[in-house]
């Protein structure tokens, strides 16, 4: 079975605070779901995805936050947009992708200018603390204190506004930190430690749950830059 079939990502990843753009190819993945909205723009031919158990083909395919999906056609050249639902509605992302030329520079500029969603101040305070996460534990009580809420109020706010728990949002941010470290040249063990994972195996399991691939497959052929 080829390396692409195993799920290797190849290309370059540009990262911003609330979105990322991947130019290259992705291999076959298992079914997975992640917090980010995702839009796949095929640069040649059509992309092929399974979304909620149904196969979809096209030159622009959208996957909403937390929607189970898998990549079925490895090796297709694409630009893949990952974006935080906190910042963007899926409709805004689709408008950007329809109107902007299909190159990284044009899409990056359009995304910088795209409207962001307004954010509850209490949520913003808790998220600011989450985005500063490091290798230390981050108990819900600390986040609740930052938001001037009780833990139960904070959980209800996250569930109602974000559709996921405080713990899962912290995990999502830890994954972002770990990926950034690994793409900057850290080993998987170093990246896991820097982001607060128990070990590289914990990081690999989390990455597989979120993106359907093993950490080594995701990072071996990727390069990164900052938008």
Protein backbone atom coordinates (compact mmCIF):
# COMPACT_ATOMS: atom_id res chain seq x y z
CA UNK A 1 0.00 0.00 0.00
CA UNK A 2 1.43 3.39 -0.96
CA UNK A 3 2.50 6.08 1.50
CA UNK A 4 -0.31 8.33 0.29
CA UNK A 5 -2.82 5.60 0.99
CA UNK A 6 -1.51 5.43 4.53
CA UNK A 7 -2.40 9.10 4.97
CA UNK A 8 0.80 11.09 4.47
CA UNK A 9 0.29 14.81 4.08
CA UNK A 10 2.63 16.54 1.64
CA UNK A 11 2.98 20.25 1.10
CA UNK A 12 3.18 23.50 3.00
CA UNK A 13 0.99 24.74 5.84
CA UNK A 14 0.46 28.44 6.55
CA UNK A 15 -0.88 29.23 10.03
CA UNK A 16 -2.70 32.29 11.38
CA UNK A 17 -4.35 32.84 14.76
CA UNK A 18 -7.79 31.65 13.65
CA UNK A 19 -7.17 29.72 10.42
CA UNK A 20 -4.67 27.75 8.41
CA UNK A 21 -4.11 27.00 4.72
CA UNK A 22 -2.56 23.77 3.46
CA UNK A 23 -1.26 23.63 -0.11
CA UNK A 24 -0.43 20.11 -1.23
CA UNK A 25 -1.90 16.63 -1.06
CA UNK A 26 -3.48 14.56 1.69
CA UNK A 27 -3.62 10.79 1.87
CA UNK A 28 -6.52 8.53 2.72
CA UNK A 29 -7.72 9.06 6.30
CA UNK A 30 -9.96 7.23 8.70
CA UNK A 31 -13.25 8.79 9.75
CA UNK A 32 -12.59 11.63 12.15
CA UNK A 33 -14.05 14.92 13.37
CA UNK A 34 -12.32 18.12 14.46
CA UNK A 35 -13.41 21.47 15.81
CA UNK A 36 -12.32 23.51 12.78
CA UNK A 37 -14.51 24.15 9.78
CA UNK A 38 -12.78 22.76 6.69
CA UNK A 39 -13.05 23.69 3.01
CA UNK A 40 -11.22 21.62 0.37
CA UNK A 41 -10.44 23.33 -2.95
CA UNK A 42 -9.25 20.93 -5.64
CA UNK A 43 -6.62 22.43 -7.93
CA UNK A 44 -6.94 19.64 -10.48
CA UNK A 45 -9.76 17.16 -10.94
CA UNK A 46 -12.09 16.64 -8.00
CA UNK A 47 -11.66 15.99 -4.31
CA UNK A 48 -13.47 12.98 -2.86
CA UNK A 49 -14.66 12.94 0.74
CA UNK A 50 -16.97 10.90 2.90
CA UNK A 51 -19.10 13.20 5.05
CA UNK A 52 -21.56 11.75 7.55
CA UNK A 53 -21.25 8.40 5.78
CA UNK A 54 -22.01 9.73 2.28
CA UNK A 55 -19.49 10.14 -0.56
CA UNK A 56 -19.09 13.61 -2.05
CA UNK A 57 -17.03 14.72 -5.07
CA UNK A 58 -16.34 18.22 -6.31
CA UNK A 59 -13.80 20.98 -6.77
CA UNK A 60 -14.99 22.69 -3.56
CA UNK A 61 -16.19 20.64 -0.60
CA UNK A 62 -17.12 21.95 2.85
CA UNK A 63 -17.04 20.16 6.19
CA UNK A 64 -18.68 21.83 9.17
CA UNK A 65 -17.16 21.80 12.64
CA UNK A 66 -17.38 18.42 14.41
CA UNK A 67 -18.83 16.72 11.30
CA UNK A 68 -17.47 13.15 10.86
CA UNK A 69 -15.60 12.81 7.58
CA UNK A 70 -12.76 11.04 5.77
CA UNK A 71 -10.56 11.74 2.76
CA UNK A 72 -11.18 9.01 0.17
CA UNK A 73 -9.04 10.10 -2.80
CA UNK A 74 -5.39 10.41 -1.77
CA UNK A 75 -2.96 12.42 -3.83
CA UNK A 76 -5.33 15.10 -5.19
CA UNK A 77 -3.64 18.52 -5.29
CA UNK A 78 -5.71 20.85 -3.11
CA UNK A 79 -5.75 23.96 -1.00
CA UNK A 80 -7.37 23.01 2.29
CA UNK A 81 -8.66 25.69 4.62
CA UNK A 82 -9.07 25.01 8.33
CA UNK A 83 -10.79 27.79 10.29
CA UNK A 84 -11.99 28.37 13.84
CA UNK A 85 -15.81 28.37 14.13
CA UNK A 86 -15.40 30.98 16.86
CA UNK A 87 -14.13 33.41 14.26
CA UNK A 88 -15.89 32.41 11.04
CA UNK A 89 -19.23 31.03 9.97
CA UNK A 90 -19.01 28.31 7.34
CA UNK A 91 -21.02 30.55 5.00
CA UNK A 92 -18.37 33.29 5.29
CA UNK A 93 -15.62 30.80 4.45
CA UNK A 94 -17.52 29.52 1.42
CA UNK A 95 -18.05 33.08 0.18
CA UNK A 96 -14.31 33.75 0.50
CA UNK A 97 -13.44 30.55 -1.34
CA UNK A 98 -15.90 31.23 -4.16
CA UNK A 99 -14.71 34.78 -4.75
CA UNK A 100 -10.94 34.64 -4.22
CA UNK A 101 -8.53 33.19 -6.79
CA UNK A 102 -7.27 29.75 -5.81
CA UNK A 103 -3.82 30.66 -4.64
CA UNK A 104 -2.45 31.05 -1.11
CA UNK A 105 -1.72 34.78 -1.37
CA UNK A 106 -5.23 35.69 -2.58
CA UNK A 107 -7.00 33.44 -0.09
CA UNK A 108 -4.85 34.68 2.79
CA UNK A 109 -5.64 38.30 1.96
CA UNK A 110 -9.36 37.57 1.61
CA UNK A 111 -9.40 35.76 4.96
CA UNK A 112 -7.62 38.65 6.69
CA UNK A 113 -10.38 40.96 5.45
CA UNK A 114 -13.29 38.59 6.12
CA UNK A 115 -15.68 39.53 8.95
CA UNK A 116 -15.21 37.75 12.27
CA UNK A 117 -18.05 36.66 14.52
CA UNK A 118 -18.65 38.73 17.67
CA UNK A 119 -17.53 36.96 20.82
CA UNK A 120 -19.06 36.98 24.30
CA UNK A 121 -16.63 38.84 26.60
CA UNK A 122 -16.70 36.06 29.21
CA UNK A 123 -15.91 33.50 26.54
CA UNK A 124 -13.15 35.71 25.17
CA UNK A 125 -11.47 35.86 28.58
CA UNK A 126 -11.56 32.09 29.03
CA UNK A 127 -10.31 31.52 25.49
CA UNK A 128 -7.44 33.96 25.96
CA UNK A 129 -6.26 31.81 28.86
CA UNK A 130 -6.70 28.62 26.82
CA UNK A 131 -4.68 30.08 23.93
CA UNK A 132 -1.82 30.72 26.35
CA UNK A 133 -1.77 27.05 27.36
CA UNK A 134 1.63 25.40 27.88
CA UNK A 135 2.87 22.20 29.48
CA UNK A 136 1.11 22.94 32.77
CA UNK A 137 -2.31 21.64 33.79
CA UNK A 138 -5.19 24.02 33.12
CA UNK A 139 -8.05 23.23 35.48
CA UNK A 140 -11.57 24.37 34.68
CA UNK A 141 -11.61 26.34 37.92
CA UNK A 142 -8.84 28.60 36.60
CA UNK A 143 -10.72 29.21 33.37
CA UNK A 144 -13.94 29.90 35.25
CA UNK A 145 -12.11 32.43 37.39
CA UNK A 146 -10.75 34.17 34.28
CA UNK A 147 -14.30 34.43 32.92
CA UNK A 148 -15.79 35.46 36.30
CA UNK A 149 -18.14 32.46 36.19
CA UNK A 150 -18.69 29.28 38.13
CA UNK A 151 -17.40 26.06 36.57
CA UNK A 152 -20.95 24.93 35.76
CA UNK A 153 -21.76 28.29 34.15
CA UNK A 154 -18.58 28.09 32.08
CA UNK A 155 -19.41 24.57 30.90
CA UNK A 156 -22.89 25.69 29.85
CA UNK A 157 -21.42 28.68 28.02
CA UNK A 158 -18.95 26.51 26.11
CA UNK A 159 -21.56 23.90 25.29
CA UNK A 160 -24.12 26.47 24.16
CA UNK A 161 -21.83 28.77 22.17
CA UNK A 162 -19.13 26.39 20.95
CA UNK A 163 -20.80 23.00 20.89
CA UNK A 164 -18.03 21.32 22.88
CA UNK A 165 -16.81 21.03 26.44
CA UNK A 166 -14.11 23.05 28.16
CA UNK A 167 -11.89 19.96 28.22
CA UNK A 168 -12.21 19.40 24.47
CA UNK A 169 -11.42 23.04 23.71
CA UNK A 170 -8.28 22.82 25.84
CA UNK A 171 -7.33 19.63 23.98
CA UNK A 172 -7.85 21.37 20.63
CA UNK A 173 -5.51 24.19 21.68
CA UNK A 174 -2.91 21.73 22.96
CA UNK A 175 -2.99 20.04 19.56
CA UNK A 176 -2.41 23.41 17.86
CA UNK A 177 0.58 24.05 20.12
CA UNK A 178 2.02 20.57 19.55
CA UNK A 179 1.63 20.79 15.78
CA UNK A 180 3.32 24.17 15.76
CA UNK A 181 6.24 22.82 17.78
CA UNK A 182 6.61 19.72 15.63
CA UNK A 183 6.45 21.65 12.37
CA UNK A 184 9.12 24.00 13.74
CA UNK A 185 11.46 21.02 14.12
CA UNK A 186 10.75 19.57 17.57
CA UNK A 187 10.53 15.81 17.97
CA UNK A 188 7.10 14.34 18.70
CA UNK A 189 8.16 13.79 22.31
CA UNK A 190 9.34 17.39 22.64
CA UNK A 191 6.17 18.70 20.99
CA UNK A 192 3.98 16.57 23.25
CA UNK A 193 5.76 17.79 26.39
CA UNK A 194 5.60 21.46 25.33
CA UNK A 195 1.84 21.22 24.76
CA UNK A 196 1.04 19.38 27.98
CA UNK A 197 0.39 15.88 26.63
CA UNK A 198 1.43 12.98 28.84
CA UNK A 199 3.74 11.61 26.13
CA UNK A 200 4.08 11.29 22.35
CA UNK A 201 1.64 8.36 22.32
CA UNK A 202 -1.03 10.58 23.90
CA UNK A 203 -0.36 13.24 21.24
CA UNK A 204 -0.53 10.64 18.46
CA UNK A 205 -3.86 9.25 19.71
CA UNK A 206 -5.35 12.73 19.93
CA UNK A 207 -4.14 13.66 16.46
CA UNK A 208 -5.59 10.47 15.00
CA UNK A 209 -8.97 11.18 16.64
CA UNK A 210 -9.00 14.75 15.31
CA UNK A 211 -7.48 14.24 11.85
CA UNK A 212 -7.70 10.51 11.12
CA UNK A 213 -3.95 9.97 10.68
CA UNK A 214 -0.85 9.14 12.69
CA UNK A 215 1.39 11.99 13.82
CA UNK A 216 4.37 10.75 11.82
CA UNK A 217 2.24 10.66 8.67
CA UNK A 218 0.96 14.18 9.22
CA UNK A 219 4.29 15.83 9.85
CA UNK A 220 6.97 13.99 7.88
CA UNK A 221 6.41 15.80 4.56
CA UNK A 222 4.91 19.10 5.76
CA UNK A 223 6.59 22.49 6.06
CA UNK A 224 5.02 25.43 7.85
CA UNK A 225 5.00 29.21 7.74
CA UNK A 226 3.10 32.06 9.41
CA UNK A 227 0.40 34.03 7.62
